[in-house]
Amino acid sequence: MSVLRFAMTTLVMPDYDAALDFNVGALGFAPVLLETASFAESHARFTASGVTFEGEPRHEAYGTVAVFRDPFGNRWDLIEPKAHE
């Protein structure tokens, strides 16, 4: 089983909804990242557990990533960072 870890910084905001609208609506990114050492394994396990991803995994310059939503509508990025060379 691959190891998952949170890869994020906590920001305290007086208005969470406004911050979420800005991050997701204006900037277009998921504010929560779940980092894995094995994207393929984690993606397959999540999918088998009923997680629905918003599209196919993408291979970006920074790593492999796919976005999903939790039961409360929060967007998450599952990401395997690219190995530093």
N, C-alpha and C. Protein backbone atom coordinates (compact mmCIF):
# COMPACT_ATOMS: atom_id res chain seq x y z
N MET A 1 0.84 -1.17 0.00
CA MET A 1 0.00 0.00 0.00
C MET A 1 0.89 1.24 0.00
N SER A 2 0.56 2.19 -0.83
CA SER A 2 1.34 3.42 -0.89
C SER A 2 1.02 4.30 0.32
N VAL A 3 1.99 5.11 0.68
CA VAL A 3 1.83 6.03 1.79
C VAL A 3 1.24 7.33 1.27
N LEU A 4 0.21 7.82 1.94
CA LEU A 4 -0.41 9.10 1.58
C LEU A 4 -0.07 10.10 2.66
N ARG A 5 0.11 11.35 2.27
CA ARG A 5 0.33 12.39 3.26
C ARG A 5 -0.32 13.68 2.78
N PHE A 6 -0.70 14.50 3.72
CA PHE A 6 -1.23 15.81 3.36
C PHE A 6 -0.08 16.68 2.92
N ALA A 7 -0.28 17.41 1.85
CA ALA A 7 0.73 18.33 1.34
C ALA A 7 0.08 19.69 1.21
N MET A 8 -0.02 20.36 2.34
CA MET A 8 -0.73 21.63 2.33
C MET A 8 -0.27 22.51 3.47
N THR A 9 -0.65 23.74 3.40
CA THR A 9 -0.44 24.70 4.47
C THR A 9 -1.80 25.19 4.94
N THR A 10 -1.99 25.30 6.23
CA THR A 10 -3.25 25.78 6.76
C THR A 10 -3.27 27.30 6.78
N LEU A 11 -4.31 27.87 6.23
CA LEU A 11 -4.51 29.31 6.25
C LEU A 11 -5.79 29.60 7.02
N VAL A 12 -5.72 30.43 8.01
CA VAL A 12 -6.91 30.80 8.78
C VAL A 12 -7.55 32.01 8.13
N MET A 13 -8.86 31.91 7.84
CA MET A 13 -9.58 32.98 7.15
C MET A 13 -10.85 33.33 7.90
N PRO A 14 -11.24 34.59 7.90
CA PRO A 14 -12.48 34.96 8.59
C PRO A 14 -13.74 34.51 7.85
N ASP A 15 -13.64 34.27 6.54
CA ASP A 15 -14.81 33.87 5.75
C ASP A 15 -14.40 32.72 4.83
N TYR A 16 -14.63 31.49 5.30
CA TYR A 16 -14.22 30.30 4.57
C TYR A 16 -14.89 30.22 3.21
N ASP A 17 -16.19 30.51 3.14
CA ASP A 17 -16.92 30.42 1.87
C ASP A 17 -16.36 31.37 0.83
N ALA A 18 -16.04 32.60 1.24
CA ALA A 18 -15.46 33.57 0.31
C ALA A 18 -14.09 33.10 -0.17
N ALA A 19 -13.30 32.54 0.74
CA ALA A 19 -11.98 32.04 0.36
C ALA A 19 -12.10 30.87 -0.61
N LEU A 20 -13.04 29.96 -0.35
CA LEU A 20 -13.25 28.82 -1.23
C LEU A 20 -13.73 29.28 -2.60
N ASP A 21 -14.66 30.22 -2.64
CA ASP A 21 -15.13 30.77 -3.92
C ASP A 21 -13.97 31.36 -4.71
N PHE A 22 -13.09 32.08 -4.04
CA PHE A 22 -11.95 32.69 -4.71
C PHE A 22 -10.98 31.62 -5.22
N ASN A 23 -10.60 30.68 -4.34
CA ASN A 23 -9.62 29.65 -4.73
C ASN A 23 -10.12 28.79 -5.87
N VAL A 24 -11.35 28.31 -5.76
CA VAL A 24 -11.88 27.41 -6.77
C VAL A 24 -12.45 28.18 -7.96
N GLY A 25 -13.24 29.22 -7.69
CA GLY A 25 -13.89 29.96 -8.77
C GLY A 25 -12.94 30.84 -9.55
N ALA A 26 -12.22 31.71 -8.87
CA ALA A 26 -11.34 32.67 -9.56
C ALA A 26 -10.03 32.03 -9.99
N LEU A 27 -9.41 31.27 -9.07
CA LEU A 27 -8.10 30.69 -9.39
C LEU A 27 -8.20 29.33 -10.06
N GLY A 28 -9.29 28.61 -9.82
CA GLY A 28 -9.53 27.34 -10.49
C GLY A 28 -8.69 26.18 -9.98
N PHE A 29 -8.36 26.16 -8.69
CA PHE A 29 -7.60 25.02 -8.19
C PHE A 29 -8.23 24.45 -6.93
N ALA A 30 -7.90 23.20 -6.65
CA ALA A 30 -8.35 22.55 -5.43
C ALA A 30 -7.41 22.95 -4.30
N PRO A 31 -7.95 23.50 -3.21
CA PRO A 31 -7.07 23.98 -2.15
C PRO A 31 -6.49 22.88 -1.26
N VAL A 32 -6.90 21.62 -1.45
CA VAL A 32 -6.38 20.53 -0.63
C VAL A 32 -5.68 19.52 -1.52
N LEU A 33 -4.44 19.18 -1.16
CA LEU A 33 -3.66 18.21 -1.91
C LEU A 33 -3.42 16.98 -1.06
N LEU A 34 -3.60 15.81 -1.65
CA LEU A 34 -3.28 14.56 -0.99
C LEU A 34 -2.16 13.93 -1.80
N GLU A 35 -0.97 13.89 -1.22
CA GLU A 35 0.22 13.43 -1.94
C GLU A 35 0.43 11.94 -1.72
N THR A 36 0.79 11.23 -2.79
CA THR A 36 1.05 9.80 -2.75
C THR A 36 2.38 9.49 -3.42
N ALA A 37 3.00 8.39 -3.00
CA ALA A 37 4.23 7.94 -3.63
C ALA A 37 3.94 7.06 -4.84
N SER A 38 2.69 6.58 -4.95
CA SER A 38 2.30 5.73 -6.08
C SER A 38 0.92 6.16 -6.57
N PHE A 39 0.91 7.06 -7.55
CA PHE A 39 -0.34 7.59 -8.06
C PHE A 39 -1.24 6.47 -8.59
N ALA A 40 -0.68 5.59 -9.41
CA ALA A 40 -1.49 4.54 -10.03
C ALA A 40 -2.17 3.67 -8.98
N GLU A 41 -1.43 3.30 -7.95
CA GLU A 41 -2.00 2.45 -6.89
C GLU A 41 -3.10 3.19 -6.12
N SER A 42 -2.83 4.41 -5.73
CA SER A 42 -3.82 5.18 -4.96
C SER A 42 -5.05 5.49 -5.80
N HIS A 43 -4.86 5.88 -7.05
CA HIS A 43 -5.98 6.18 -7.95
C HIS A 43 -6.86 4.94 -8.13
N ALA A 44 -6.25 3.79 -8.34
CA ALA A 44 -7.01 2.55 -8.51
C ALA A 44 -7.77 2.19 -7.24
N ARG A 45 -7.13 2.34 -6.10
CA ARG A 45 -7.78 2.02 -4.82
C ARG A 45 -8.94 2.98 -4.55
N PHE A 46 -8.74 4.27 -4.79
CA PHE A 46 -9.81 5.24 -4.58
C PHE A 46 -10.99 4.94 -5.51
N THR A 47 -10.70 4.67 -6.78
CA THR A 47 -11.75 4.38 -7.76
C THR A 47 -12.53 3.14 -7.35
N ALA A 48 -11.82 2.09 -6.91
CA ALA A 48 -12.48 0.85 -6.47
C ALA A 48 -13.35 1.09 -5.24
N SER A 49 -13.01 2.11 -4.46
CA SER A 49 -13.78 2.44 -3.25
C SER A 49 -14.95 3.37 -3.53
N GLY A 50 -15.15 3.74 -4.80
CA GLY A 50 -16.29 4.56 -5.17
C GLY A 50 -16.02 6.04 -5.36
N VAL A 51 -14.75 6.44 -5.28
CA VAL A 51 -14.41 7.85 -5.52
C VAL A 51 -14.56 8.14 -7.01
N THR A 52 -15.22 9.23 -7.35
CA THR A 52 -15.38 9.64 -8.74
C THR A 52 -14.46 10.82 -9.01
N PHE A 53 -13.58 10.65 -9.97
CA PHE A 53 -12.64 11.70 -10.34
C PHE A 53 -13.24 12.59 -11.42
N GLU A 54 -12.84 13.86 -11.41
CA GLU A 54 -13.31 14.84 -12.40
C GLU A 54 -12.41 14.80 -13.62
N GLY A 55 -12.49 13.73 -14.37
CA GLY A 55 -11.66 13.60 -15.56
C GLY A 55 -10.52 12.62 -15.35
N GLU A 56 -9.78 12.43 -16.41
CA GLU A 56 -8.65 11.50 -16.40
C GLU A 56 -7.45 12.12 -15.69
N PRO A 57 -6.55 11.27 -15.16
CA PRO A 57 -5.31 11.79 -14.57
C PRO A 57 -4.54 12.60 -15.61
N ARG A 58 -3.87 13.65 -15.13
CA ARG A 58 -3.06 14.51 -15.99
C ARG A 58 -1.60 14.38 -15.59
N HIS A 59 -0.75 14.37 -16.59
CA HIS A 59 0.70 14.33 -16.37
C HIS A 59 1.22 15.73 -16.63
N GLU A 60 1.53 16.43 -15.55
CA GLU A 60 1.98 17.82 -15.62
C GLU A 60 3.48 17.88 -15.35
N ALA A 61 4.07 19.05 -15.53
CA ALA A 61 5.50 19.23 -15.29
C ALA A 61 5.87 18.93 -13.84
N TYR A 62 4.93 19.15 -12.92
CA TYR A 62 5.19 18.96 -11.49
C TYR A 62 4.82 17.56 -10.98
N GLY A 63 4.14 16.75 -11.82
CA GLY A 63 3.77 15.40 -11.40
C GLY A 63 2.47 14.95 -12.03
N THR A 64 1.94 13.84 -11.52
CA THR A 64 0.68 13.28 -12.00
C THR A 64 -0.41 13.67 -11.01
N VAL A 65 -1.55 14.11 -11.54
CA VAL A 65 -2.61 14.64 -10.67
C VAL A 65 -3.99 14.31 -11.22
N ALA A 66 -4.94 14.11 -10.31
CA ALA A 66 -6.35 13.96 -10.66
C ALA A 66 -7.17 14.61 -9.54
N VAL A 67 -8.29 15.20 -9.90
CA VAL A 67 -9.13 15.93 -8.95
C VAL A 67 -10.39 15.11 -8.65
N PHE A 68 -10.77 15.08 -7.38
CA PHE A 68 -12.03 14.46 -6.97
C PHE A 68 -12.68 15.34 -5.91
N ARG A 69 -13.95 15.06 -5.63
CA ARG A 69 -14.68 15.79 -4.59
C ARG A 69 -15.04 14.83 -3.46
N ASP A 70 -14.97 15.34 -2.24
CA ASP A 70 -15.42 14.54 -1.11
C ASP A 70 -16.95 14.65 -1.00
N PRO A 71 -17.58 13.91 -0.09
CA PRO A 71 -19.04 13.94 0.02
C PRO A 71 -19.62 15.32 0.33
N PHE A 72 -18.78 16.27 0.75
CA PHE A 72 -19.25 17.61 1.10
C PHE A 72 -19.01 18.62 -0.01
N GLY A 73 -18.49 18.15 -1.16
CA GLY A 73 -18.27 19.02 -2.30
C GLY A 73 -16.91 19.68 -2.36
N ASN A 74 -16.04 19.40 -1.37
CA ASN A 74 -14.70 19.97 -1.39
C ASN A 74 -13.85 19.28 -2.44
N ARG A 75 -13.10 20.07 -3.20
CA ARG A 75 -12.22 19.50 -4.23
C ARG A 75 -10.88 19.11 -3.61
N TRP A 76 -10.39 17.96 -4.01
CA TRP A 76 -9.09 17.44 -3.58
C TRP A 76 -8.26 17.12 -4.81
N ASP A 77 -6.98 17.35 -4.73
CA ASP A 77 -6.04 16.87 -5.75
C ASP A 77 -5.32 15.66 -5.19
N LEU A 78 -5.36 14.55 -5.91
CA LEU A 78 -4.49 13.41 -5.62
C LEU A 78 -3.28 13.61 -6.50
N ILE A 79 -2.09 13.65 -5.89
CA ILE A 79 -0.91 14.00 -6.66
C ILE A 79 0.29 13.14 -6.28
N GLU A 80 1.03 12.73 -7.31
CA GLU A 80 2.35 12.14 -7.12
C GLU A 80 3.34 13.12 -7.72
N PRO A 81 4.11 13.81 -6.88
CA PRO A 81 5.06 14.78 -7.41
C PRO A 81 6.10 14.11 -8.30
N LYS A 82 6.55 14.85 -9.28
CA LYS A 82 7.60 14.36 -10.16
C LYS A 82 8.90 14.28 -9.35
N ALA A 83 9.64 13.20 -9.56
CA ALA A 83 10.91 13.03 -8.86
C ALA A 83 11.90 14.10 -9.31
N HIS A 84 12.62 14.65 -8.36
CA HIS A 84 13.64 15.64 -8.70
C HIS A 84 14.83 14.94 -9.31
N GLU A 85 15.33 15.50 -10.38
CA GLU A 85 16.47 14.89 -11.07
C GLU A 85 17.74 15.60 -10.75
